[in-house]
Amino acid sequence: MDKCKTEEHGNRVMQAIQDRRSIRRYFAEEVPRETIEEILRAGLQAPSSKNRQPWRFVVATGGAKKEALDAMEKGLEREKTSPLLPESAEHLQGAWQSLQIMRQAPAIIFVVNALGAEIGKDLTADERVSEICNAQSIGAALENMSLAAMEQGVGTLWICNTFFAQRELMDWLNAEGELYAAMAVGYANENPQARPRKRMQDMVEWRV
């Protein structure tokens, strides 16, 4: 790749990063399966620690999406009286808002860490490091997916509020490992402004 093409590609990547938005309002129009497969293909191309590729994706649409989100709602109700995350109770209302957004979106991609340890399990130092590495790998996959979706003209929302309903969603998924995130996918019914970012000089330390 010559220098001009390299610079053009680099500019496109930076523009995609700057233009990406978290979408919280969606049109009801279905996203074609082949488009979602392109988004997933980008996730599968992400780097992963020791090339473990710990991710597994479950795409829920239609009736399956309703079942999954009903399970999530059941978990959020249970969280009021028997919390899995008692110290995070102040964020429970945000999880309810996430659920409403997920009901709008025509597709939800659930992202499972197939190697993930059960929440609450005591981990050895080595197990803890593996969890951190696999979490980074899954984060890279999710970022790839959000950028690929934007390139396809599709909006996404990366969601972690599923953890409040971890038990119920894992029962629905019937999968090995642990649910790490969900991604709402659909055509954006909004054009939000970029949220403020902290200044580089406040967040970066150079050492020479």
N, C-alpha and C. Protein backbone atom coordinates (compact mmCIF):
# COMPACT_ATOMS: atom_id res chain seq x y z
N MET A 1 0.86 -1.19 0.00
CA MET A 1 0.00 0.00 0.00
C MET A 1 0.90 1.24 0.00
N ASP A 2 0.69 2.12 -1.01
CA ASP A 2 1.55 3.30 -1.09
C ASP A 2 1.15 4.32 -0.02
N LYS A 3 2.00 5.36 0.11
CA LYS A 3 1.82 6.32 1.19
C LYS A 3 0.46 7.02 1.11
N CYS A 4 0.04 7.43 -0.10
CA CYS A 4 -1.24 8.15 -0.24
C CYS A 4 -2.41 7.27 0.19
N LYS A 5 -2.38 6.00 -0.22
CA LYS A 5 -3.46 5.09 0.15
C LYS A 5 -3.45 4.82 1.65
N THR A 6 -2.25 4.73 2.22
CA THR A 6 -2.14 4.52 3.66
C THR A 6 -2.74 5.69 4.43
N GLU A 7 -2.42 6.91 3.99
CA GLU A 7 -2.95 8.11 4.64
C GLU A 7 -4.47 8.19 4.48
N GLU A 8 -4.97 7.84 3.27
CA GLU A 8 -6.42 7.87 3.03
C GLU A 8 -7.13 6.88 3.95
N HIS A 9 -6.56 5.67 4.06
CA HIS A 9 -7.15 4.65 4.93
C HIS A 9 -7.14 5.11 6.38
N GLY A 10 -6.01 5.70 6.80
CA GLY A 10 -5.90 6.18 8.16
C GLY A 10 -6.92 7.28 8.46
N ASN A 11 -7.14 8.16 7.48
CA ASN A 11 -8.13 9.24 7.66
C ASN A 11 -9.53 8.65 7.78
N ARG A 12 -9.84 7.62 7.00
CA ARG A 12 -11.16 6.99 7.05
C ARG A 12 -11.40 6.34 8.41
N VAL A 13 -10.36 5.68 8.92
CA VAL A 13 -10.49 5.03 10.22
C VAL A 13 -10.74 6.07 11.31
N MET A 14 -9.94 7.14 11.32
CA MET A 14 -10.12 8.18 12.33
C MET A 14 -11.48 8.85 12.21
N GLN A 15 -11.95 9.05 10.97
CA GLN A 15 -13.26 9.67 10.78
C GLN A 15 -14.36 8.77 11.32
N ALA A 16 -14.23 7.45 11.09
CA ALA A 16 -15.22 6.50 11.61
C ALA A 16 -15.24 6.52 13.13
N ILE A 17 -14.06 6.58 13.74
CA ILE A 17 -13.99 6.62 15.20
C ILE A 17 -14.65 7.89 15.73
N GLN A 18 -14.41 9.01 15.07
CA GLN A 18 -14.97 10.28 15.52
C GLN A 18 -16.47 10.36 15.29
N ASP A 19 -16.97 9.70 14.24
CA ASP A 19 -18.39 9.80 13.88
C ASP A 19 -19.27 8.79 14.61
N ARG A 20 -18.67 7.77 15.19
CA ARG A 20 -19.46 6.74 15.86
C ARG A 20 -20.27 7.33 17.01
N ARG A 21 -21.51 6.89 17.13
CA ARG A 21 -22.37 7.36 18.21
C ARG A 21 -23.09 6.17 18.86
N SER A 22 -23.45 6.32 20.10
CA SER A 22 -24.29 5.35 20.79
C SER A 22 -25.74 5.73 20.51
N ILE A 23 -26.47 4.82 19.87
CA ILE A 23 -27.83 5.11 19.42
C ILE A 23 -28.84 4.52 20.41
N ARG A 24 -29.78 5.36 20.83
CA ARG A 24 -30.78 4.95 21.81
C ARG A 24 -32.21 5.04 21.29
N ARG A 25 -32.37 5.40 20.01
CA ARG A 25 -33.69 5.41 19.38
C ARG A 25 -33.54 4.77 18.00
N TYR A 26 -34.45 3.82 17.70
CA TYR A 26 -34.35 3.04 16.47
C TYR A 26 -35.67 3.03 15.72
N PHE A 27 -35.56 2.95 14.38
CA PHE A 27 -36.71 2.63 13.56
C PHE A 27 -37.01 1.14 13.69
N ALA A 28 -38.24 0.77 13.39
CA ALA A 28 -38.65 -0.64 13.51
C ALA A 28 -38.13 -1.50 12.36
N GLU A 29 -37.65 -0.88 11.29
CA GLU A 29 -37.20 -1.62 10.11
C GLU A 29 -36.14 -2.67 10.47
N GLU A 30 -36.34 -3.88 9.96
CA GLU A 30 -35.39 -4.96 10.21
C GLU A 30 -34.06 -4.69 9.50
N VAL A 31 -32.99 -5.11 10.11
CA VAL A 31 -31.67 -5.06 9.48
C VAL A 31 -31.44 -6.40 8.78
N PRO A 32 -31.09 -6.40 7.49
CA PRO A 32 -30.90 -7.67 6.78
C PRO A 32 -29.86 -8.56 7.46
N ARG A 33 -30.11 -9.86 7.39
CA ARG A 33 -29.21 -10.82 8.02
C ARG A 33 -27.78 -10.66 7.50
N GLU A 34 -27.64 -10.44 6.18
CA GLU A 34 -26.28 -10.32 5.62
C GLU A 34 -25.55 -9.10 6.17
N THR A 35 -26.28 -8.05 6.51
CA THR A 35 -25.66 -6.86 7.11
C THR A 35 -25.17 -7.19 8.52
N ILE A 36 -26.00 -7.89 9.29
CA ILE A 36 -25.58 -8.28 10.64
C ILE A 36 -24.39 -9.23 10.56
N GLU A 37 -24.37 -10.10 9.57
CA GLU A 37 -23.22 -11.00 9.41
C GLU A 37 -21.94 -10.23 9.11
N GLU A 38 -22.04 -9.14 8.34
CA GLU A 38 -20.87 -8.30 8.09
C GLU A 38 -20.37 -7.68 9.38
N ILE A 39 -21.31 -7.24 10.23
CA ILE A 39 -20.94 -6.66 11.52
C ILE A 39 -20.25 -7.71 12.39
N LEU A 40 -20.80 -8.91 12.42
CA LEU A 40 -20.20 -9.98 13.21
C LEU A 40 -18.83 -10.37 12.66
N ARG A 41 -18.69 -10.35 11.35
CA ARG A 41 -17.40 -10.69 10.74
C ARG A 41 -16.31 -9.73 11.22
N ALA A 42 -16.68 -8.47 11.37
CA ALA A 42 -15.71 -7.49 11.89
C ALA A 42 -15.32 -7.84 13.32
N GLY A 43 -16.29 -8.28 14.13
CA GLY A 43 -15.97 -8.70 15.49
C GLY A 43 -15.03 -9.88 15.53
N LEU A 44 -15.24 -10.81 14.62
CA LEU A 44 -14.41 -12.01 14.58
C LEU A 44 -12.97 -11.71 14.16
N GLN A 45 -12.75 -10.55 13.53
CA GLN A 45 -11.41 -10.17 13.10
C GLN A 45 -10.63 -9.44 14.19
N ALA A 46 -11.24 -9.23 15.34
CA ALA A 46 -10.56 -8.49 16.41
C ALA A 46 -9.37 -9.29 16.95
N PRO A 47 -8.36 -8.60 17.46
CA PRO A 47 -7.24 -9.30 18.12
C PRO A 47 -7.72 -9.87 19.45
N SER A 48 -7.08 -10.95 19.88
CA SER A 48 -7.45 -11.52 21.18
C SER A 48 -6.21 -12.08 21.86
N SER A 49 -6.20 -12.00 23.18
CA SER A 49 -5.07 -12.47 23.98
C SER A 49 -4.83 -13.96 23.72
N LYS A 50 -3.58 -14.29 23.39
CA LYS A 50 -3.17 -15.68 23.10
C LYS A 50 -4.02 -16.29 21.98
N ASN A 51 -4.64 -15.44 21.17
CA ASN A 51 -5.53 -15.88 20.10
C ASN A 51 -6.62 -16.83 20.60
N ARG A 52 -7.08 -16.57 21.83
CA ARG A 52 -8.10 -17.45 22.42
C ARG A 52 -9.47 -17.25 21.79
N GLN A 53 -9.70 -16.04 21.22
CA GLN A 53 -10.99 -15.75 20.58
C GLN A 53 -12.14 -16.22 21.49
N PRO A 54 -12.26 -15.63 22.68
CA PRO A 54 -13.18 -16.16 23.69
C PRO A 54 -14.65 -15.85 23.43
N TRP A 55 -14.92 -15.02 22.43
CA TRP A 55 -16.27 -14.54 22.19
C TRP A 55 -17.17 -15.59 21.55
N ARG A 56 -18.42 -15.54 21.94
CA ARG A 56 -19.49 -16.26 21.25
C ARG A 56 -20.65 -15.28 21.11
N PHE A 57 -21.28 -15.27 19.95
CA PHE A 57 -22.33 -14.31 19.67
C PHE A 57 -23.68 -15.01 19.50
N VAL A 58 -24.70 -14.48 20.13
CA VAL A 58 -26.06 -14.98 19.97
C VAL A 58 -26.91 -13.81 19.46
N VAL A 59 -27.42 -13.93 18.25
CA VAL A 59 -28.22 -12.87 17.64
C VAL A 59 -29.69 -13.18 17.88
N ALA A 60 -30.39 -12.26 18.51
CA ALA A 60 -31.81 -12.46 18.82
C ALA A 60 -32.66 -11.44 18.08
N THR A 61 -33.62 -11.94 17.32
CA THR A 61 -34.59 -11.09 16.63
C THR A 61 -35.98 -11.67 16.88
N GLY A 62 -37.00 -10.92 16.52
CA GLY A 62 -38.36 -11.43 16.58
C GLY A 62 -38.74 -12.00 17.93
N GLY A 63 -39.33 -13.21 17.89
CA GLY A 63 -39.79 -13.85 19.11
C GLY A 63 -38.68 -14.18 20.07
N ALA A 64 -37.50 -14.54 19.54
CA ALA A 64 -36.36 -14.86 20.40
C ALA A 64 -35.90 -13.63 21.16
N LYS A 65 -35.93 -12.48 20.51
CA LYS A 65 -35.56 -11.24 21.19
C LYS A 65 -36.54 -10.94 22.32
N LYS A 66 -37.82 -11.14 22.06
CA LYS A 66 -38.82 -10.92 23.11
C LYS A 66 -38.58 -11.84 24.30
N GLU A 67 -38.29 -13.10 24.04
CA GLU A 67 -38.01 -14.05 25.13
C GLU A 67 -36.82 -13.58 25.96
N ALA A 68 -35.75 -13.18 25.26
CA ALA A 68 -34.54 -12.74 25.97
C ALA A 68 -34.81 -11.52 26.82
N LEU A 69 -35.54 -10.56 26.28
CA LEU A 69 -35.77 -9.32 27.02
C LEU A 69 -36.80 -9.51 28.12
N ASP A 70 -37.71 -10.44 27.94
CA ASP A 70 -38.60 -10.80 29.05
C ASP A 70 -37.79 -11.41 30.19
N ALA A 71 -36.77 -12.22 29.85
CA ALA A 71 -35.89 -12.79 30.88
C ALA A 71 -35.11 -11.68 31.57
N MET A 72 -34.66 -10.70 30.80
CA MET A 72 -33.94 -9.58 31.41
C MET A 72 -34.87 -8.79 32.34
N GLU A 73 -36.10 -8.56 31.92
CA GLU A 73 -37.05 -7.84 32.77
C GLU A 73 -37.29 -8.61 34.07
N LYS A 74 -37.41 -9.91 33.98
CA LYS A 74 -37.59 -10.73 35.17
C LYS A 74 -36.40 -10.55 36.11
N GLY A 75 -35.20 -10.50 35.54
CA GLY A 75 -34.01 -10.30 36.36
C GLY A 75 -33.97 -8.94 37.02
N LEU A 76 -34.39 -7.91 36.31
CA LEU A 76 -34.41 -6.57 36.89
C LEU A 76 -35.42 -6.47 38.03
N GLU A 77 -36.55 -7.17 37.88
CA GLU A 77 -37.52 -7.21 38.97
C GLU A 77 -36.94 -7.95 40.18
N ARG A 78 -36.28 -9.06 39.93
CA ARG A 78 -35.66 -9.83 41.01
C ARG A 78 -34.58 -9.01 41.72
N GLU A 79 -33.90 -8.17 40.98
CA GLU A 79 -32.81 -7.38 41.54
C GLU A 79 -33.30 -6.42 42.63
N LYS A 80 -34.58 -6.07 42.59
CA LYS A 80 -35.13 -5.15 43.60
C LYS A 80 -35.14 -5.79 44.99
N THR A 81 -35.32 -7.10 45.05
CA THR A 81 -35.47 -7.77 46.35
C THR A 81 -34.34 -8.73 46.67
N SER A 82 -33.69 -9.27 45.64
CA SER A 82 -32.60 -10.23 45.84
C SER A 82 -31.46 -9.89 44.90
N PRO A 83 -30.75 -8.80 45.19
CA PRO A 83 -29.80 -8.27 44.22
C PRO A 83 -28.53 -9.11 44.05
N LEU A 84 -28.16 -9.27 42.80
CA LEU A 84 -26.85 -9.83 42.48
C LEU A 84 -25.77 -8.76 42.65
N LEU A 85 -26.15 -7.50 42.42
CA LEU A 85 -25.21 -6.37 42.47
C LEU A 85 -25.73 -5.31 43.45
N PRO A 86 -25.73 -5.62 44.74
CA PRO A 86 -26.32 -4.70 45.71
C PRO A 86 -25.64 -3.34 45.77
N GLU A 87 -24.34 -3.29 45.52
CA GLU A 87 -23.62 -2.03 45.61
C GLU A 87 -23.82 -1.16 44.38
N SER A 88 -24.50 -1.70 43.37
CA SER A 88 -24.76 -0.95 42.14
C SER A 88 -26.22 -0.57 41.99
N ALA A 89 -26.97 -0.62 43.10
CA ALA A 89 -28.41 -0.37 43.05
C ALA A 89 -28.75 0.98 42.43
N GLU A 90 -27.88 1.97 42.60
CA GLU A 90 -28.15 3.31 42.06
C GLU A 90 -28.21 3.30 40.53
N HIS A 91 -27.66 2.25 39.90
CA HIS A 91 -27.64 2.18 38.44
C HIS A 91 -28.76 1.30 37.88
N LEU A 92 -29.60 0.76 38.75
CA LEU A 92 -30.64 -0.15 38.29
C LEU A 92 -31.64 0.55 37.36
N GLN A 93 -31.96 1.80 37.65
CA GLN A 93 -32.89 2.52 36.78
C GLN A 93 -32.32 2.65 35.37
N GLY A 94 -31.03 2.81 35.27
CA GLY A 94 -30.39 2.86 33.96
C GLY A 94 -30.55 1.56 33.21
N ALA A 95 -30.56 0.44 33.94
CA ALA A 95 -30.76 -0.86 33.30
C ALA A 95 -32.17 -0.98 32.73
N TRP A 96 -33.15 -0.43 33.46
CA TRP A 96 -34.52 -0.41 32.93
C TRP A 96 -34.59 0.42 31.65
N GLN A 97 -33.88 1.52 31.61
CA GLN A 97 -33.85 2.34 30.39
C GLN A 97 -33.19 1.59 29.25
N SER A 98 -32.12 0.86 29.56
CA SER A 98 -31.47 0.04 28.53
C SER A 98 -32.43 -1.00 27.97
N LEU A 99 -33.22 -1.60 28.85
CA LEU A 99 -34.19 -2.60 28.42
C LEU A 99 -35.18 -2.01 27.42
N GLN A 100 -35.67 -0.80 27.69
CA GLN A 100 -36.61 -0.16 26.76
C GLN A 100 -35.97 0.12 25.41
N ILE A 101 -34.72 0.51 25.43
CA ILE A 101 -33.99 0.74 24.17
C ILE A 101 -33.85 -0.58 23.42
N MET A 102 -33.52 -1.64 24.13
CA MET A 102 -33.34 -2.95 23.50
C MET A 102 -34.65 -3.45 22.90
N ARG A 103 -35.78 -3.13 23.52
CA ARG A 103 -37.06 -3.53 22.95
C ARG A 103 -37.34 -2.80 21.64
N GLN A 104 -36.84 -1.57 21.50
CA GLN A 104 -37.00 -0.82 20.25
C GLN A 104 -36.19 -1.42 19.11
N ALA A 105 -34.96 -1.79 19.39
CA ALA A 105 -34.02 -2.22 18.36
C ALA A 105 -34.49 -3.54 17.74
N PRO A 106 -34.40 -3.68 16.43
CA PRO A 106 -34.87 -4.91 15.79
C PRO A 106 -33.99 -6.13 16.05
N ALA A 107 -32.75 -5.94 16.47
CA ALA A 107 -31.87 -7.07 16.75
C ALA A 107 -30.99 -6.77 17.96
N ILE A 108 -30.73 -7.81 18.73
CA ILE A 108 -29.80 -7.72 19.85
C ILE A 108 -28.75 -8.81 19.67
N ILE A 109 -27.49 -8.41 19.78
CA ILE A 109 -26.39 -9.38 19.76
C ILE A 109 -25.88 -9.54 21.18
N PHE A 110 -26.05 -10.73 21.73
CA PHE A 110 -25.52 -11.04 23.06
C PHE A 110 -24.10 -11.59 22.88
N VAL A 111 -23.17 -11.07 23.68
CA VAL A 111 -21.76 -11.44 23.56
C VAL A 111 -21.34 -12.19 24.81
N VAL A 112 -21.00 -13.44 24.64
CA VAL A 112 -20.65 -14.32 25.75
C VAL A 112 -19.14 -14.57 25.73
N ASN A 113 -18.53 -14.47 26.91
CA ASN A 113 -17.15 -14.92 27.09
C ASN A 113 -17.22 -16.41 27.40
N ALA A 114 -16.91 -17.23 26.41
CA ALA A 114 -17.04 -18.68 26.57
C ALA A 114 -16.08 -19.22 27.62
N LEU A 115 -15.04 -18.44 27.95
CA LEU A 115 -14.05 -18.86 28.95
C LEU A 115 -14.26 -18.14 30.28
N GLY A 116 -15.34 -17.38 30.38
CA GLY A 116 -15.55 -16.54 31.56
C GLY A 116 -15.89 -17.32 32.81
N ALA A 117 -15.37 -16.84 33.94
CA ALA A 117 -15.66 -17.44 35.25
C ALA A 117 -16.99 -16.91 35.76
N GLU A 118 -17.68 -17.72 36.52
CA GLU A 118 -18.96 -17.32 37.09
C GLU A 118 -18.79 -16.11 37.99
N ILE A 119 -19.69 -15.15 37.87
CA ILE A 119 -19.63 -13.94 38.69
C ILE A 119 -19.72 -14.33 40.17
N GLY A 120 -18.81 -13.79 40.96
CA GLY A 120 -18.78 -14.10 42.39
C GLY A 120 -17.79 -15.19 42.75
N LYS A 121 -17.27 -15.89 41.75
CA LYS A 121 -16.30 -16.95 42.03
C LYS A 121 -14.97 -16.34 42.49
N ASP A 122 -14.36 -16.93 43.50
CA ASP A 122 -13.02 -16.51 43.91
C ASP A 122 -12.02 -16.99 42.87
N LEU A 123 -11.21 -16.05 42.39
CA LEU A 123 -10.26 -16.37 41.32
C LEU A 123 -8.83 -16.35 41.84
N THR A 124 -8.01 -17.25 41.29
CA THR A 124 -6.58 -17.17 41.54
C THR A 124 -6.03 -15.98 40.76
N ALA A 125 -4.79 -15.62 41.03
CA ALA A 125 -4.18 -14.51 40.30
C ALA A 125 -4.14 -14.79 38.81
N ASP A 126 -3.80 -16.02 38.44
CA ASP A 126 -3.74 -16.38 37.02
C ASP A 126 -5.12 -16.31 36.36
N GLU A 127 -6.13 -16.78 37.07
CA GLU A 127 -7.49 -16.73 36.53
C GLU A 127 -7.96 -15.29 36.36
N ARG A 128 -7.60 -14.46 37.33
CA ARG A 128 -7.99 -13.05 37.26
C ARG A 128 -7.35 -12.37 36.06
N VAL A 129 -6.07 -12.66 35.81
CA VAL A 129 -5.38 -12.08 34.65
C VAL A 129 -6.04 -12.57 33.35
N SER A 130 -6.39 -13.84 33.29
CA SER A 130 -7.07 -14.37 32.10
C SER A 130 -8.39 -13.66 31.86
N GLU A 131 -9.14 -13.40 32.95
CA GLU A 131 -10.40 -12.69 32.81
C GLU A 131 -10.18 -11.29 32.24
N ILE A 132 -9.16 -10.60 32.74
CA ILE A 132 -8.85 -9.25 32.25
C ILE A 132 -8.48 -9.28 30.78
N CYS A 133 -7.64 -10.25 30.40
CA CYS A 133 -7.21 -10.36 29.00
C CYS A 133 -8.38 -10.67 28.08
N ASN A 134 -9.24 -11.59 28.50
CA ASN A 134 -10.39 -11.95 27.66
C ASN A 134 -11.39 -10.81 27.56
N ALA A 135 -11.53 -10.04 28.65
CA ALA A 135 -12.42 -8.88 28.60
C ALA A 135 -11.91 -7.85 27.59
N GLN A 136 -10.59 -7.65 27.56
CA GLN A 136 -10.02 -6.73 26.57
C GLN A 136 -10.28 -7.23 25.16
N SER A 137 -10.15 -8.53 24.95
CA SER A 137 -10.38 -9.11 23.63
C SER A 137 -11.82 -8.88 23.18
N ILE A 138 -12.75 -9.11 24.08
CA ILE A 138 -14.17 -8.92 23.75
C ILE A 138 -14.47 -7.45 23.50
N GLY A 139 -13.83 -6.57 24.27
CA GLY A 139 -13.99 -5.14 24.02
C GLY A 139 -13.53 -4.75 22.62
N ALA A 140 -12.43 -5.35 22.17
CA ALA A 140 -11.94 -5.07 20.82
C ALA A 140 -12.94 -5.55 19.77
N ALA A 141 -13.54 -6.71 20.02
CA ALA A 141 -14.55 -7.23 19.08
C ALA A 141 -15.76 -6.31 19.01
N LEU A 142 -16.21 -5.85 20.15
CA LEU A 142 -17.37 -4.96 20.19
C LEU A 142 -17.09 -3.63 19.49
N GLU A 143 -15.90 -3.10 19.68
CA GLU A 143 -15.55 -1.85 19.01
C GLU A 143 -15.50 -2.05 17.50
N ASN A 144 -14.89 -3.16 17.06
CA ASN A 144 -14.89 -3.46 15.62
C ASN A 144 -16.31 -3.50 15.08
N MET A 145 -17.20 -4.15 15.82
CA MET A 145 -18.58 -4.30 15.38
C MET A 145 -19.30 -2.96 15.28
N SER A 146 -19.08 -2.10 16.27
CA SER A 146 -19.77 -0.80 16.25
C SER A 146 -19.29 0.05 15.08
N LEU A 147 -18.00 -0.02 14.77
CA LEU A 147 -17.47 0.75 13.64
C LEU A 147 -17.93 0.17 12.31
N ALA A 148 -17.95 -1.16 12.21
CA ALA A 148 -18.42 -1.80 10.99
C ALA A 148 -19.90 -1.50 10.76
N ALA A 149 -20.69 -1.49 11.83
CA ALA A 149 -22.11 -1.18 11.70
C ALA A 149 -22.30 0.23 11.16
N MET A 150 -21.53 1.18 11.66
CA MET A 150 -21.66 2.55 11.19
C MET A 150 -21.36 2.64 9.71
N GLU A 151 -20.35 1.89 9.27
CA GLU A 151 -19.98 1.88 7.86
C GLU A 151 -21.12 1.31 7.00
N GLN A 152 -21.93 0.43 7.63
CA GLN A 152 -23.07 -0.16 6.93
C GLN A 152 -24.33 0.70 7.05
N GLY A 153 -24.22 1.84 7.71
CA GLY A 153 -25.38 2.70 7.90
C GLY A 153 -26.31 2.23 8.99
N VAL A 154 -25.76 1.46 9.94
CA VAL A 154 -26.55 0.86 11.02
C VAL A 154 -26.09 1.44 12.36
N GLY A 155 -27.02 1.72 13.24
CA GLY A 155 -26.70 2.23 14.57
C GLY A 155 -26.56 1.10 15.57
N THR A 156 -25.80 1.35 16.63
CA THR A 156 -25.60 0.35 17.68
C THR A 156 -25.56 1.01 19.04
N LEU A 157 -25.81 0.20 20.06
CA LEU A 157 -25.59 0.62 21.44
C LEU A 157 -24.93 -0.53 22.17
N TRP A 158 -23.76 -0.30 22.71
CA TRP A 158 -23.00 -1.27 23.48
C TRP A 158 -23.53 -1.23 24.90
N ILE A 159 -24.04 -2.37 25.40
CA ILE A 159 -24.79 -2.40 26.67
C ILE A 159 -24.13 -3.35 27.66
N CYS A 160 -23.90 -2.85 28.88
CA CYS A 160 -23.39 -3.70 29.97
C CYS A 160 -24.40 -3.85 31.10
N ASN A 161 -25.51 -3.16 31.02
CA ASN A 161 -26.53 -3.26 32.07
C ASN A 161 -27.18 -4.64 32.16
N THR A 162 -26.85 -5.50 31.23
CA THR A 162 -27.35 -6.88 31.29
C THR A 162 -26.87 -7.60 32.54
N PHE A 163 -25.79 -7.12 33.17
CA PHE A 163 -25.24 -7.82 34.34
C PHE A 163 -26.24 -7.89 35.50
N PHE A 164 -27.16 -6.94 35.56
CA PHE A 164 -28.17 -7.00 36.62
C PHE A 164 -29.05 -8.24 36.49
N ALA A 165 -29.22 -8.72 35.26
CA ALA A 165 -30.07 -9.89 35.00
C ALA A 165 -29.22 -11.06 34.50
N GLN A 166 -28.00 -11.15 35.01
CA GLN A 166 -27.05 -12.16 34.52
C GLN A 166 -27.62 -13.57 34.62
N ARG A 167 -28.20 -13.91 35.77
CA ARG A 167 -28.70 -15.28 35.98
C ARG A 167 -29.78 -15.62 34.98
N GLU A 168 -30.74 -14.71 34.84
CA GLU A 168 -31.88 -14.98 33.97
C GLU A 168 -31.46 -15.04 32.50
N LEU A 169 -30.57 -14.15 32.10
CA LEU A 169 -30.13 -14.15 30.71
C LEU A 169 -29.26 -15.37 30.40
N MET A 170 -28.43 -15.78 31.35
CA MET A 170 -27.62 -16.97 31.11
C MET A 170 -28.51 -18.22 31.03
N ASP A 171 -29.58 -18.25 31.81
CA ASP A 171 -30.53 -19.36 31.69
C ASP A 171 -31.14 -19.38 30.29
N TRP A 172 -31.48 -18.18 29.79
CA TRP A 172 -32.07 -18.12 28.44
C TRP A 172 -31.05 -18.50 27.38
N LEU A 173 -29.83 -18.00 27.52
CA LEU A 173 -28.79 -18.28 26.52
C LEU A 173 -28.39 -19.75 26.52
N ASN A 174 -28.41 -20.36 27.70
CA ASN A 174 -28.01 -21.77 27.84
C ASN A 174 -26.64 -21.99 27.19
N ALA A 175 -25.69 -21.15 27.57
CA ALA A 175 -24.36 -21.15 26.95
C ALA A 175 -23.29 -21.35 28.01
N GLU A 176 -22.14 -21.85 27.57
CA GLU A 176 -20.98 -21.97 28.44
C GLU A 176 -20.36 -20.60 28.65
N GLY A 177 -19.81 -20.35 29.84
CA GLY A 177 -19.13 -19.09 30.12
C GLY A 177 -20.05 -18.09 30.79
N GLU A 178 -19.82 -16.80 30.49
CA GLU A 178 -20.59 -15.72 31.11
C GLU A 178 -20.93 -14.67 30.06
N LEU A 179 -22.15 -14.14 30.16
CA LEU A 179 -22.55 -13.02 29.32
C LEU A 179 -21.73 -11.79 29.70
N TYR A 180 -21.09 -11.16 28.72
CA TYR A 180 -20.25 -10.00 28.99
C TYR A 180 -20.88 -8.69 28.52
N ALA A 181 -21.72 -8.75 27.50
CA ALA A 181 -22.31 -7.51 26.97
C ALA A 181 -23.41 -7.87 25.99
N ALA A 182 -24.15 -6.84 25.60
CA ALA A 182 -25.11 -6.97 24.52
C ALA A 182 -24.95 -5.76 23.62
N MET A 183 -25.36 -5.92 22.37
CA MET A 183 -25.30 -4.80 21.44
C MET A 183 -26.64 -4.69 20.72
N ALA A 184 -27.32 -3.56 20.91
CA ALA A 184 -28.52 -3.27 20.16
C ALA A 184 -28.12 -2.85 18.75
N VAL A 185 -28.87 -3.35 17.76
CA VAL A 185 -28.53 -3.10 16.35
C VAL A 185 -29.80 -2.69 15.61
N GLY A 186 -29.74 -1.57 14.88
CA GLY A 186 -30.89 -1.13 14.11
C GLY A 186 -30.58 0.17 13.39
N TYR A 187 -31.54 0.62 12.61
CA TYR A 187 -31.38 1.88 11.90
C TYR A 187 -31.72 3.03 12.83
N ALA A 188 -30.80 3.98 12.94
CA ALA A 188 -30.90 5.06 13.92
C ALA A 188 -32.07 5.99 13.63
N ASN A 189 -32.84 6.28 14.66
CA ASN A 189 -33.92 7.25 14.60
C ASN A 189 -33.54 8.51 15.39
N GLU A 190 -32.26 8.82 15.37
CA GLU A 190 -31.74 10.03 16.02
C GLU A 190 -30.35 10.30 15.48
N ASN A 191 -29.88 11.49 15.71
CA ASN A 191 -28.54 11.87 15.29
C ASN A 191 -27.88 12.62 16.44
N PRO A 192 -27.48 11.89 17.49
CA PRO A 192 -26.97 12.56 18.69
C PRO A 192 -25.63 13.24 18.46
N GLN A 193 -25.42 14.29 19.22
CA GLN A 193 -24.13 14.97 19.21
C GLN A 193 -23.10 14.14 19.98
N ALA A 194 -21.85 14.36 19.68
CA ALA A 194 -20.78 13.68 20.41
C ALA A 194 -20.78 14.13 21.87
N ARG A 195 -20.57 13.20 22.77
CA ARG A 195 -20.45 13.56 24.17
C ARG A 195 -19.06 14.10 24.45
N PRO A 196 -18.93 14.97 25.45
CA PRO A 196 -17.62 15.56 25.75
C PRO A 196 -16.59 14.48 26.10
N ARG A 197 -15.39 14.68 25.67
CA ARG A 197 -14.28 13.80 26.02
C ARG A 197 -13.27 14.57 26.86
N LYS A 198 -12.64 13.88 27.77
CA LYS A 198 -11.61 14.52 28.58
C LYS A 198 -10.42 14.89 27.71
N ARG A 199 -9.72 15.92 28.11
CA ARG A 199 -8.61 16.43 27.31
C ARG A 199 -7.42 15.49 27.39
N MET A 200 -6.70 15.38 26.27
CA MET A 200 -5.55 14.50 26.23
C MET A 200 -4.52 14.87 27.30
N GLN A 201 -4.31 16.16 27.50
CA GLN A 201 -3.29 16.57 28.47
C GLN A 201 -3.67 16.19 29.90
N ASP A 202 -4.97 15.95 30.15
CA ASP A 202 -5.39 15.55 31.48
C ASP A 202 -5.34 14.03 31.68
N MET A 203 -5.24 13.28 30.59
CA MET A 203 -5.36 11.84 30.66
C MET A 203 -4.11 11.07 30.25
N VAL A 204 -3.14 11.78 29.67
CA VAL A 204 -1.95 11.10 29.14
C VAL A 204 -0.70 11.64 29.83
N GLU A 205 0.13 10.74 30.25
CA GLU A 205 1.42 11.10 30.85
C GLU A 205 2.53 10.55 29.96
N TRP A 206 3.42 11.43 29.53
CA TRP A 206 4.56 11.01 28.71
C TRP A 206 5.78 10.85 29.60
N ARG A 207 6.50 9.77 29.42
CA ARG A 207 7.75 9.56 30.13
C ARG A 207 8.85 9.25 29.13
N VAL A 208 9.96 9.98 29.23
CA VAL A 208 11.06 9.79 28.29
C VAL A 208 12.37 9.63 29.07
